[in-house]
C-alpha atoms as a PDB file:
ATOM      1  CA  LEU A   1      12.332   1.513   0.083  1.00  0.00           C
ATOM      2  CA  GLY A   2      11.187   4.072  -2.295  1.00  0.00           C
ATOM      3  CA  HIS A   3      14.278   7.332  -2.412  1.00  0.00           C
ATOM      4  CA  MET A   4      14.142  10.504  -0.367  1.00  0.00           C
ATOM      5  CA  ASN A   5      12.089  13.431  -0.795  1.00  0.00           C
ATOM      6  CA  TYR A   6      14.783  15.898  -3.544  1.00  0.00           C
ATOM      7  CA  HIS A   7      13.251  18.890  -1.282  1.00  0.00           C
ATOM      8  CA  THR A   8      14.911  16.919   1.717  1.00  0.00           C
ATOM      9  CA  VAL A   9      17.565  16.303  -0.106  1.00  0.00           C
ATOM     10  CA  VAL A  10      18.200  20.166  -1.391  1.00  0.00           C
ATOM     11  CA  ASN A  11      17.479  21.453   2.373  1.00  0.00           C
ATOM     12  CA  MET A  12      20.506  18.879   3.247  1.00  0.00           C
ATOM     13  CA  ALA A  13      22.877  20.262   1.560  1.00  0.00           C
ATOM     14  CA  THR A  14      21.916  24.276   1.494  1.00  0.00           C
ATOM     15  CA  SER A  15      22.662  23.215   5.084  1.00  0.00           C
ATOM     16  CA  PHE A  16      25.816  21.832   4.236  1.00  0.00           C
ATOM     17  CA  LEU A  17      24.539  18.820   6.042  1.00  0.00           C
ATOM     18  CA  LEU A  18      25.321  16.104   3.337  1.00  0.00           C
ATOM     19  CA  SER A  19      28.280  16.321   1.196  1.00  0.00           C
ATOM     20  CA  GLY A  20      30.654  14.050  -1.341  1.00  0.00           C
ATOM     21  CA  MET A  21      27.625  14.206  -3.823  1.00  0.00           C
ATOM     22  CA  PRO A  22      26.447  16.761  -5.835  1.00  0.00           C
ATOM     23  CA  VAL A  23      23.249  18.668  -5.632  1.00  0.00           C
ATOM     24  CA  ASP A  24      21.737  21.328  -8.102  1.00  0.00           C
ATOM     25  CA  THR A  25      19.163  23.805  -6.556  1.00  0.00           C
ATOM     26  CA  SER A  26      19.090  25.573  -9.355  1.00  0.00           C
ATOM     27  CA  SER A  27      16.804  23.309 -11.803  1.00  0.00           C
ATOM     28  CA  ALA A  28      13.551  20.726 -11.123  1.00  0.00           C
ATOM     29  CA  PRO A  29      13.649  18.458  -9.734  1.00  0.00           C
ATOM     30  CA  PRO A  30      13.605  14.772 -11.630  1.00  0.00           C
ATOM     31  CA  LYS A  31      10.687  13.370 -12.003  1.00  0.00           C
ATOM     32  CA  CYS A  32      10.067   9.496 -10.538  1.00  0.00           C
ATOM     33  CA  ASP A  33       7.576   7.207 -12.481  1.00  0.00           C
ATOM     34  CA  HIS A  34       7.722   4.577  -9.489  1.00  0.00           C
ATOM     35  CA  CYS A  35       6.499   7.366  -7.194  1.00  0.00           C
ATOM     36  CA  ILE A  36       4.522   8.820  -9.087  1.00  0.00           C
ATOM     37  CA  LEU A  37       3.188   5.581 -10.120  1.00  0.00           C
ATOM     38  CA  ARG A  38       2.512   4.473  -6.726  1.00  0.00           C
ATOM     39  CA  LYS A  39       1.100   7.660  -5.256  1.00  0.00           C
ATOM     40  CA  GLN A  40      -1.805   6.857  -7.728  1.00  0.00           C
ATOM     41  CA  THR A  41      -5.399   5.902  -5.872  1.00  0.00           C
ATOM     42  CA  ARG A  42      -7.085   3.128  -7.506  1.00  0.00           C
ATOM     43  CA  SER A  43     -11.545   3.237  -8.158  1.00  0.00           C
ATOM     44  CA  SER A  44     -13.652   2.518  -4.587  1.00  0.00           C
ATOM     45  CA  VAL A  45     -15.342  -0.609  -5.182  1.00  0.00           C
ATOM     46  CA  PRO A  46     -19.308   0.499  -5.339  1.00  0.00           C
ATOM     47  CA  LYS A  47     -21.677   0.515  -2.584  1.00  0.00           C
ATOM     48  CA  VAL A  48     -24.147  -1.030  -3.762  1.00  0.00           C
ATOM     49  CA  CYS A  49     -25.643  -4.212  -2.016  1.00  0.00           C
ATOM     50  CA  VAL A  50     -27.298  -7.165  -5.493  1.00  0.00           C
ATOM     51  CA  GLY A  51     -29.254  -9.278  -4.345  1.00  0.00           C
ATOM     52  CA  ASP A  52     -31.602 -10.020  -0.371  1.00  0.00           C
ATOM     53  CA  LYS A  53     -29.885  -8.907   2.484  1.00  0.00           C
ATOM     54  CA  ALA A  54     -29.367 -10.489   5.850  1.00  0.00           C
ATOM     55  CA  SER A  55     -32.549  -9.259   7.688  1.00  0.00           C
ATOM     56  CA  ARG A  56     -31.285 -11.301  11.892  1.00  0.00           C
ATOM     57  CA  LYS A  57     -27.389 -12.276  12.910  1.00  0.00           C
ATOM     58  CA  TRP A  58     -25.983 -15.337  10.443  1.00  0.00           C
ATOM     59  CA  GLU A  59     -28.530 -15.593   8.076  1.00  0.00           C
ATOM     60  CA  LEU A  60     -26.597 -14.534   5.162  1.00  0.00           C
ATOM     61  CA  VAL A  61     -22.611 -15.606   5.362  1.00  0.00           C
ATOM     62  CA  TYR A  62     -19.566 -16.053   2.837  1.00  0.00           C
ATOM     63  CA  ALA A  63     -17.014 -18.396   3.690  1.00  0.00           C
ATOM     64  CA  ASP A  64     -13.948 -19.554   2.064  1.00  0.00           C
ATOM     65  CA  VAL A  65     -11.593 -22.156   2.975  1.00  0.00           C
ATOM     66  CA  MET A  66      -7.740 -21.877   1.545  1.00  0.00           C
ATOM     67  CA  GLY A  67      -4.831 -24.707   2.195  1.00  0.00           C
ATOM     68  CA  PRO A  68      -2.833 -25.630   2.049  1.00  0.00           C
ATOM     69  CA  CYS A  69      -0.841 -23.394   3.689  1.00  0.00           C
ATOM     70  CA  ASP A  70       2.923 -22.583   4.540  1.00  0.00           C
ATOM     71  CA  GLY A  71       4.203 -20.875   7.688  1.00  0.00           C
ATOM     72  CA  THR A  72       1.326 -20.465  10.179  1.00  0.00           C
ATOM     73  CA  GLY A  73       1.282 -18.914  12.949  1.00  0.00           C
ATOM     74  CA  CYS A  74      -0.621 -21.971  14.964  1.00  0.00           C
ATOM     75  CA  GLY A  75       1.122 -25.020  12.937  1.00  0.00           C
ATOM     76  CA  ASN A  76      -2.317 -25.149  11.434  1.00  0.00           C
ATOM     77  CA  SER A  77      -2.781 -26.084   7.168  1.00  0.00           C
ATOM     78  CA  ILE A  78      -6.060 -24.609   6.444  1.00  0.00           C
ATOM     79  CA  LYS A  79      -7.587 -21.679   6.938  1.00  0.00           C
ATOM     80  CA  ALA A  80     -10.736 -20.046   7.051  1.00  0.00           C
ATOM     81  CA  SER A  81     -12.402 -16.585   6.409  1.00  0.00           C
ATOM     82  CA  MET A  82     -15.676 -15.472   6.934  1.00  0.00           C
ATOM     83  CA  VAL A  83     -17.940 -12.214   6.052  1.00  0.00           C
END
């Protein structure tokens, strides 16, 4: 789930809203490898069309059928995805 922002913890400690946890306000906040990793962005997928484009609706359809699936809301065990 993560943790609270370091500056928020320091503000709570200096405002006496936080007790029982020693907070060193004189040093820089520690580096959190998990936060650094999660804040990195992925490179975007290039928006390049490869091959022919459809000229009218439903001319070009991609479908993916998967199953059996557990815990489906409708009681069905097969799902289909169409793009």
